Amino acid sequence: MVNFLRYDSDLTDKKWSTIEPIFTKAKKGKHLQKHPKRELVNAVRYLSKTGCQWRMLPKEYPNYKTVSSFYQ
């Protein structure tokens, strides 16, 4: 199992369990299937919380282009 709590902006298990059903019903793009949705949500939350540039996203998260596509 992947440890999803790396940063203060990351979702706790309880918060994730609340929104997870939204993503199980969502349409899935091929490039987004290889990354856990929780990981992508955490990346977007990190960007929102820190205000960093997309290209400055920490390497622990998926590629910034994938995260940006997920966000859009």
PDB file of N, CA and C in Angstrom:
ATOM      1  N   MET A   1       0.844  -1.195   0.000  1.00  0.00           N
ATOM      2  CA  MET A   1       0.000   0.000   0.000  1.00  0.00           C
ATOM      3  C   MET A   1       0.880   1.247   0.000  1.00  0.00           C
ATOM      4  N   VAL A   2       0.465   2.233  -0.728  1.00  0.00           N
ATOM      5  CA  VAL A   2       1.207   3.479  -0.833  1.00  0.00           C
ATOM      6  C   VAL A   2       0.848   4.369   0.343  1.00  0.00           C
ATOM      7  N   ASN A   3       1.863   5.010   0.904  1.00  0.00           N
ATOM      8  CA  ASN A   3       1.608   5.969   1.980  1.00  0.00           C
ATOM      9  C   ASN A   3       1.228   7.299   1.342  1.00  0.00           C
ATOM     10  N   PHE A   4      -0.019   7.707   1.498  1.00  0.00           N
ATOM     11  CA  PHE A   4      -0.496   8.918   0.844  1.00  0.00           C
ATOM     12  C   PHE A   4      -0.331  10.169   1.703  1.00  0.00           C
ATOM     13  N   LEU A   5       0.136  10.038   2.923  1.00  0.00           N
ATOM     14  CA  LEU A   5       0.302  11.214   3.770  1.00  0.00           C
ATOM     15  C   LEU A   5       1.770  11.634   3.814  1.00  0.00           C
ATOM     16  N   ARG A   6       2.134  12.515   2.910  1.00  0.00           N
ATOM     17  CA  ARG A   6       3.498  13.029   2.861  1.00  0.00           C
ATOM     18  C   ARG A   6       3.542  14.496   3.252  1.00  0.00           C
ATOM     19  N   TYR A   7       2.488  15.218   2.895  1.00  0.00           N
ATOM     20  CA  TYR A   7       2.436  16.658   3.121  1.00  0.00           C
ATOM     21  C   TYR A   7       1.166  17.001   3.900  1.00  0.00           C
ATOM     22  N   ASP A   8       1.175  18.160   4.541  1.00  0.00           N
ATOM     23  CA  ASP A   8       0.009  18.586   5.314  1.00  0.00           C
ATOM     24  C   ASP A   8      -1.239  18.731   4.449  1.00  0.00           C
ATOM     25  N   SER A   9      -1.057  18.964   3.173  1.00  0.00           N
ATOM     26  CA  SER A   9      -2.201  19.139   2.270  1.00  0.00           C
ATOM     27  C   SER A   9      -2.830  17.813   1.846  1.00  0.00           C
ATOM     28  N   ASP A  10      -2.166  16.691   2.103  1.00  0.00           N
ATOM     29  CA  ASP A  10      -2.684  15.388   1.680  1.00  0.00           C
ATOM     30  C   ASP A  10      -3.924  14.989   2.465  1.00  0.00           C
ATOM     31  N   LEU A  11      -4.808  14.272   1.793  1.00  0.00           N
ATOM     32  CA  LEU A  11      -6.054  13.822   2.401  1.00  0.00           C
ATOM     33  C   LEU A  11      -5.811  12.711   3.422  1.00  0.00           C
ATOM     34  N   THR A  12      -6.518  12.782   4.523  1.00  0.00           N
ATOM     35  CA  THR A  12      -6.492  11.677   5.484  1.00  0.00           C
ATOM     36  C   THR A  12      -7.368  10.555   4.937  1.00  0.00           C
ATOM     37  N   ASP A  13      -7.251   9.376   5.512  1.00  0.00           N
ATOM     38  CA  ASP A  13      -8.081   8.251   5.071  1.00  0.00           C
ATOM     39  C   ASP A  13      -9.567   8.575   5.212  1.00  0.00           C
ATOM     40  N   LYS A  14      -9.922   9.242   6.286  1.00  0.00           N
ATOM     41  CA  LYS A  14     -11.330   9.576   6.531  1.00  0.00           C
ATOM     42  C   LYS A  14     -11.862  10.540   5.460  1.00  0.00           C
ATOM     43  N   LYS A  15     -11.082  11.572   5.144  1.00  0.00           N
ATOM     44  CA  LYS A  15     -11.516  12.526   4.123  1.00  0.00           C
ATOM     45  C   LYS A  15     -11.576  11.865   2.747  1.00  0.00           C
ATOM     46  N   TRP A  16     -10.606  11.014   2.454  1.00  0.00           N
ATOM     47  CA  TRP A  16     -10.604  10.331   1.163  1.00  0.00           C
ATOM     48  C   TRP A  16     -11.823   9.430   1.025  1.00  0.00           C
ATOM     49  N   SER A  17     -12.175   8.728   2.087  1.00  0.00           N
ATOM     50  CA  SER A  17     -13.324   7.815   2.010  1.00  0.00           C
ATOM     51  C   SER A  17     -14.623   8.570   1.712  1.00  0.00           C
ATOM     52  N   THR A  18     -14.659   9.848   2.049  1.00  0.00           N
ATOM     53  CA  THR A  18     -15.843  10.668   1.783  1.00  0.00           C
ATOM     54  C   THR A  18     -15.984  10.993   0.298  1.00  0.00           C
ATOM     55  N   ILE A  19     -14.869  11.289  -0.372  1.00  0.00           N
ATOM     56  CA  ILE A  19     -14.945  11.708  -1.776  1.00  0.00           C
ATOM     57  C   ILE A  19     -14.587  10.606  -2.775  1.00  0.00           C
ATOM     58  N   GLU A  20     -14.060   9.505  -2.312  1.00  0.00           N
ATOM     59  CA  GLU A  20     -13.650   8.423  -3.215  1.00  0.00           C
ATOM     60  C   GLU A  20     -14.762   7.960  -4.160  1.00  0.00           C
ATOM     61  N   PRO A  21     -16.014   7.831  -3.699  1.00  0.00           N
ATOM     62  CA  PRO A  21     -17.078   7.380  -4.616  1.00  0.00           C
ATOM     63  C   PRO A  21     -17.248   8.262  -5.850  1.00  0.00           C
ATOM     64  N   ILE A  22     -16.938   9.522  -5.745  1.00  0.00           N
ATOM     65  CA  ILE A  22     -17.035  10.433  -6.891  1.00  0.00           C
ATOM     66  C   ILE A  22     -16.098   9.974  -8.004  1.00  0.00           C
ATOM     67  N   PHE A  23     -14.918   9.511  -7.624  1.00  0.00           N
ATOM     68  CA  PHE A  23     -13.913   9.139  -8.613  1.00  0.00           C
ATOM     69  C   PHE A  23     -14.088   7.730  -9.135  1.00  0.00           C
ATOM     70  N   THR A  24     -14.785   6.891  -8.417  1.00  0.00           N
ATOM     71  CA  THR A  24     -15.032   5.542  -8.930  1.00  0.00           C
ATOM     72  C   THR A  24     -16.092   5.568 -10.027  1.00  0.00           C
ATOM     73  N   LYS A  25     -16.936   6.592 -10.025  1.00  0.00           N
ATOM     74  CA  LYS A  25     -17.974   6.744 -11.045  1.00  0.00           C
ATOM     75  C   LYS A  25     -17.503   7.591 -12.227  1.00  0.00           C
ATOM     76  N   ALA A  26     -16.402   8.308 -12.047  1.00  0.00           N
ATOM     77  CA  ALA A  26     -15.938   9.258 -13.064  1.00  0.00           C
ATOM     78  C   ALA A  26     -15.406   8.561 -14.307  1.00  0.00           C
ATOM     79  N   LYS A  27     -15.503   9.269 -15.422  1.00  0.00           N
ATOM     80  CA  LYS A  27     -14.942   8.784 -16.680  1.00  0.00           C
ATOM     81  C   LYS A  27     -13.421   8.738 -16.544  1.00  0.00           C
ATOM     82  N   LYS A  28     -12.819   7.680 -17.071  1.00  0.00           N
ATOM     83  CA  LYS A  28     -11.386   7.498 -16.889  1.00  0.00           C
ATOM     84  C   LYS A  28     -10.651   7.648 -18.211  1.00  0.00           C
ATOM     85  N   GLY A  29      -9.664   8.552 -18.236  1.00  0.00           N
ATOM     86  CA  GLY A  29      -8.797   8.670 -19.401  1.00  0.00           C
ATOM     87  C   GLY A  29      -7.659   7.663 -19.277  1.00  0.00           C
ATOM     88  N   LYS A  30      -7.133   7.221 -20.392  1.00  0.00           N
ATOM     89  CA  LYS A  30      -6.075   6.214 -20.369  1.00  0.00           C
ATOM     90  C   LYS A  30      -4.876   6.642 -19.533  1.00  0.00           C
ATOM     91  N   HIS A  31      -4.452   7.890 -19.710  1.00  0.00           N
ATOM     92  CA  HIS A  31      -3.261   8.354 -19.001  1.00  0.00           C
ATOM     93  C   HIS A  31      -3.507   8.532 -17.501  1.00  0.00           C
ATOM     94  N   LEU A  32      -4.755   8.629 -17.110  1.00  0.00           N
ATOM     95  CA  LEU A  32      -5.065   8.822 -15.688  1.00  0.00           C
ATOM     96  C   LEU A  32      -5.287   7.501 -14.957  1.00  0.00           C
ATOM     97  N   GLN A  33      -5.382   6.395 -15.687  1.00  0.00           N
ATOM     98  CA  GLN A  33      -5.657   5.115 -15.061  1.00  0.00           C
ATOM     99  C   GLN A  33      -4.453   4.542 -14.341  1.00  0.00           C
ATOM    100  N   LYS A  34      -3.259   4.938 -14.723  1.00  0.00           N
ATOM    101  CA  LYS A  34      -2.092   4.329 -14.090  1.00  0.00           C
ATOM    102  C   LYS A  34      -1.706   5.014 -12.770  1.00  0.00           C
ATOM    103  N   HIS A  35      -2.373   6.105 -12.429  1.00  0.00           N
ATOM    104  CA  HIS A  35      -2.111   6.794 -11.173  1.00  0.00           C
ATOM    105  C   HIS A  35      -3.349   6.733 -10.285  1.00  0.00           C
ATOM    106  N   PRO A  36      -3.171   6.411  -9.009  1.00  0.00           N
ATOM    107  CA  PRO A  36      -4.322   6.407  -8.103  1.00  0.00           C
ATOM    108  C   PRO A  36      -4.959   7.801  -8.036  1.00  0.00           C
ATOM    109  N   LYS A  37      -6.264   7.827  -8.046  1.00  0.00           N
ATOM    110  CA  LYS A  37      -6.978   9.117  -8.001  1.00  0.00           C
ATOM    111  C   LYS A  37      -6.622   9.916  -6.743  1.00  0.00           C
ATOM    112  N   ARG A  38      -6.419   9.224  -5.660  1.00  0.00           N
ATOM    113  CA  ARG A  38      -6.061   9.914  -4.419  1.00  0.00           C
ATOM    114  C   ARG A  38      -4.735  10.657  -4.578  1.00  0.00           C
ATOM    115  N   GLU A  39      -3.815  10.054  -5.290  1.00  0.00           N
ATOM    116  CA  GLU A  39      -2.520  10.682  -5.549  1.00  0.00           C
ATOM    117  C   GLU A  39      -2.684  11.950  -6.380  1.00  0.00           C
ATOM    118  N   LEU A  40      -3.563  11.903  -7.366  1.00  0.00           N
ATOM    119  CA  LEU A  40      -3.817  13.071  -8.204  1.00  0.00           C
ATOM    120  C   LEU A  40      -4.523  14.177  -7.420  1.00  0.00           C
ATOM    121  N   VAL A  41      -5.492  13.805  -6.600  1.00  0.00           N
ATOM    122  CA  VAL A  41      -6.183  14.793  -5.762  1.00  0.00           C
ATOM    123  C   VAL A  41      -5.186  15.439  -4.798  1.00  0.00           C
ATOM    124  N   ASN A  42      -4.338  14.640  -4.196  1.00  0.00           N
ATOM    125  CA  ASN A  42      -3.333  15.187  -3.275  1.00  0.00           C
ATOM    126  C   ASN A  42      -2.394  16.159  -3.991  1.00  0.00           C
ATOM    127  N   ALA A  43      -2.033  15.861  -5.223  1.00  0.00           N
ATOM    128  CA  ALA A  43      -1.162  16.756  -5.990  1.00  0.00           C
ATOM    129  C   ALA A  43      -1.845  18.096  -6.242  1.00  0.00           C
ATOM    130  N   VAL A  44      -3.119  18.049  -6.616  1.00  0.00           N
ATOM    131  CA  VAL A  44      -3.869  19.294  -6.852  1.00  0.00           C
ATOM    132  C   VAL A  44      -3.999  20.076  -5.554  1.00  0.00           C
ATOM    133  N   ARG A  45      -4.259  19.382  -4.460  1.00  0.00           N
ATOM    134  CA  ARG A  45      -4.356  20.062  -3.152  1.00  0.00           C
ATOM    135  C   ARG A  45      -3.020  20.692  -2.763  1.00  0.00           C
ATOM    136  N   TYR A  46      -1.921  20.009  -3.070  1.00  0.00           N
ATOM    137  CA  TYR A  46      -0.598  20.558  -2.778  1.00  0.00           C
ATOM    138  C   TYR A  46      -0.377  21.854  -3.557  1.00  0.00           C
ATOM    139  N   LEU A  47      -0.709  21.833  -4.845  1.00  0.00           N
ATOM    140  CA  LEU A  47      -0.561  23.028  -5.674  1.00  0.00           C
ATOM    141  C   LEU A  47      -1.405  24.183  -5.141  1.00  0.00           C
ATOM    142  N   SER A  48      -2.624  23.869  -4.758  1.00  0.00           N
ATOM    143  CA  SER A  48      -3.531  24.886  -4.245  1.00  0.00           C
ATOM    144  C   SER A  48      -3.037  25.454  -2.915  1.00  0.00           C
ATOM    145  N   LYS A  49      -2.562  24.587  -2.057  1.00  0.00           N
ATOM    146  CA  LYS A  49      -2.112  25.004  -0.720  1.00  0.00           C
ATOM    147  C   LYS A  49      -0.822  25.824  -0.783  1.00  0.00           C
ATOM    148  N   THR A  50       0.131  25.390  -1.605  1.00  0.00           N
ATOM    149  CA  THR A  50       1.441  26.046  -1.621  1.00  0.00           C
ATOM    150  C   THR A  50       1.542  27.175  -2.633  1.00  0.00           C
ATOM    151  N   GLY A  51       0.727  27.107  -3.680  1.00  0.00           N
ATOM    152  CA  GLY A  51       0.806  28.114  -4.728  1.00  0.00           C
ATOM    153  C   GLY A  51       2.016  27.936  -5.630  1.00  0.00           C
ATOM    154  N   CYS A  52       2.616  26.762  -5.604  1.00  0.00           N
ATOM    155  CA  CYS A  52       3.803  26.530  -6.433  1.00  0.00           C
ATOM    156  C   CYS A  52       3.404  26.413  -7.907  1.00  0.00           C
ATOM    157  N   GLN A  53       4.385  26.540  -8.769  1.00  0.00           N
ATOM    158  CA  GLN A  53       4.146  26.382 -10.193  1.00  0.00           C
ATOM    159  C   GLN A  53       3.947  24.907 -10.514  1.00  0.00           C
ATOM    160  N   TRP A  54       3.195  24.637 -11.570  1.00  0.00           N
ATOM    161  CA  TRP A  54       2.921  23.254 -11.953  1.00  0.00           C
ATOM    162  C   TRP A  54       4.217  22.473 -12.125  1.00  0.00           C
ATOM    163  N   ARG A  55       5.197  23.066 -12.784  1.00  0.00           N
ATOM    164  CA  ARG A  55       6.463  22.364 -13.044  1.00  0.00           C
ATOM    165  C   ARG A  55       7.294  22.153 -11.786  1.00  0.00           C
ATOM    166  N   MET A  56       6.948  22.823 -10.715  1.00  0.00           N
ATOM    167  CA  MET A  56       7.682  22.691  -9.451  1.00  0.00           C
ATOM    168  C   MET A  56       7.044  21.659  -8.521  1.00  0.00           C
ATOM    169  N   LEU A  57       6.062  20.948  -9.006  1.00  0.00           N
ATOM    170  CA  LEU A  57       5.394  19.915  -8.223  1.00  0.00           C
ATOM    171  C   LEU A  57       6.416  18.867  -7.785  1.00  0.00           C
ATOM    172  N   PRO A  58       6.439  18.494  -6.503  1.00  0.00           N
ATOM    173  CA  PRO A  58       7.422  17.505  -6.043  1.00  0.00           C
ATOM    174  C   PRO A  58       7.370  16.206  -6.842  1.00  0.00           C
ATOM    175  N   LYS A  59       8.504  15.576  -6.980  1.00  0.00           N
ATOM    176  CA  LYS A  59       8.634  14.355  -7.784  1.00  0.00           C
ATOM    177  C   LYS A  59       7.845  13.182  -7.215  1.00  0.00           C
ATOM    178  N   GLU A  60       7.407  13.256  -5.949  1.00  0.00           N
ATOM    179  CA  GLU A  60       6.621  12.175  -5.356  1.00  0.00           C
ATOM    180  C   GLU A  60       5.250  12.044  -6.002  1.00  0.00           C
ATOM    181  N   TYR A  61       4.810  13.128  -6.635  1.00  0.00           N
ATOM    182  CA  TYR A  61       3.517  13.131  -7.303  1.00  0.00           C
ATOM    183  C   TYR A  61       3.702  12.753  -8.773  1.00  0.00           C
ATOM    184  N   PRO A  62       2.604  12.405  -9.451  1.00  0.00           N
ATOM    185  CA  PRO A  62       2.707  12.137 -10.889  1.00  0.00           C
ATOM    186  C   PRO A  62       3.203  13.378 -11.632  1.00  0.00           C
ATOM    187  N   ASN A  63       3.619  13.190 -12.868  1.00  0.00           N
ATOM    188  CA  ASN A  63       4.096  14.275 -13.713  1.00  0.00           C
ATOM    189  C   ASN A  63       3.096  15.424 -13.723  1.00  0.00           C
ATOM    190  N   TYR A  64       3.607  16.650 -13.734  1.00  0.00           N
ATOM    191  CA  TYR A  64       2.735  17.820 -13.659  1.00  0.00           C
ATOM    192  C   TYR A  64       1.741  17.871 -14.819  1.00  0.00           C
ATOM    193  N   LYS A  65       2.099  17.345 -15.980  1.00  0.00           N
ATOM    194  CA  LYS A  65       1.184  17.345 -17.121  1.00  0.00           C
ATOM    195  C   LYS A  65      -0.020  16.431 -16.846  1.00  0.00           C
ATOM    196  N   THR A  66       0.228  15.309 -16.206  1.00  0.00           N
ATOM    197  CA  THR A  66      -0.851  14.386 -15.849  1.00  0.00           C
ATOM    198  C   THR A  66      -1.754  15.027 -14.813  1.00  0.00           C
ATOM    199  N   VAL A  67      -1.153  15.664 -13.816  1.00  0.00           N
ATOM    200  CA  VAL A  67      -1.927  16.329 -12.754  1.00  0.00           C
ATOM    201  C   VAL A  67      -2.756  17.457 -13.340  1.00  0.00           C
ATOM    202  N   SER A  68      -2.161  18.210 -14.252  1.00  0.00           N
ATOM    203  CA  SER A  68      -2.883  19.309 -14.893  1.00  0.00           C
ATOM    204  C   SER A  68      -4.066  18.807 -15.703  1.00  0.00           C
ATOM    205  N   SER A  69      -3.873  17.723 -16.433  1.00  0.00           N
ATOM    206  CA  SER A  69      -4.962  17.122 -17.204  1.00  0.00           C
ATOM    207  C   SER A  69      -6.082  16.649 -16.284  1.00  0.00           C
ATOM    208  N   PHE A  70      -5.724  16.027 -15.190  1.00  0.00           N
ATOM    209  CA  PHE A  70      -6.712  15.581 -14.210  1.00  0.00           C
ATOM    210  C   PHE A  70      -7.482  16.782 -13.646  1.00  0.00           C
ATOM    211  N   TYR A  71      -6.781  17.834 -13.326  1.00  0.00           N
ATOM    212  CA  TYR A  71      -7.396  19.033 -12.765  1.00  0.00           C
ATOM    213  C   TYR A  71      -8.375  19.665 -13.752  1.00  0.00           C
ATOM    214  N   GLN A  72      -7.994  19.714 -14.995  1.00  0.00           N
ATOM    215  CA  GLN A  72      -8.855  20.341 -16.015  1.00  0.00           C
ATOM    216  C   GLN A  72     -10.068  19.488 -16.284  1.00  0.00           C
TER     217      GLN A  72
END
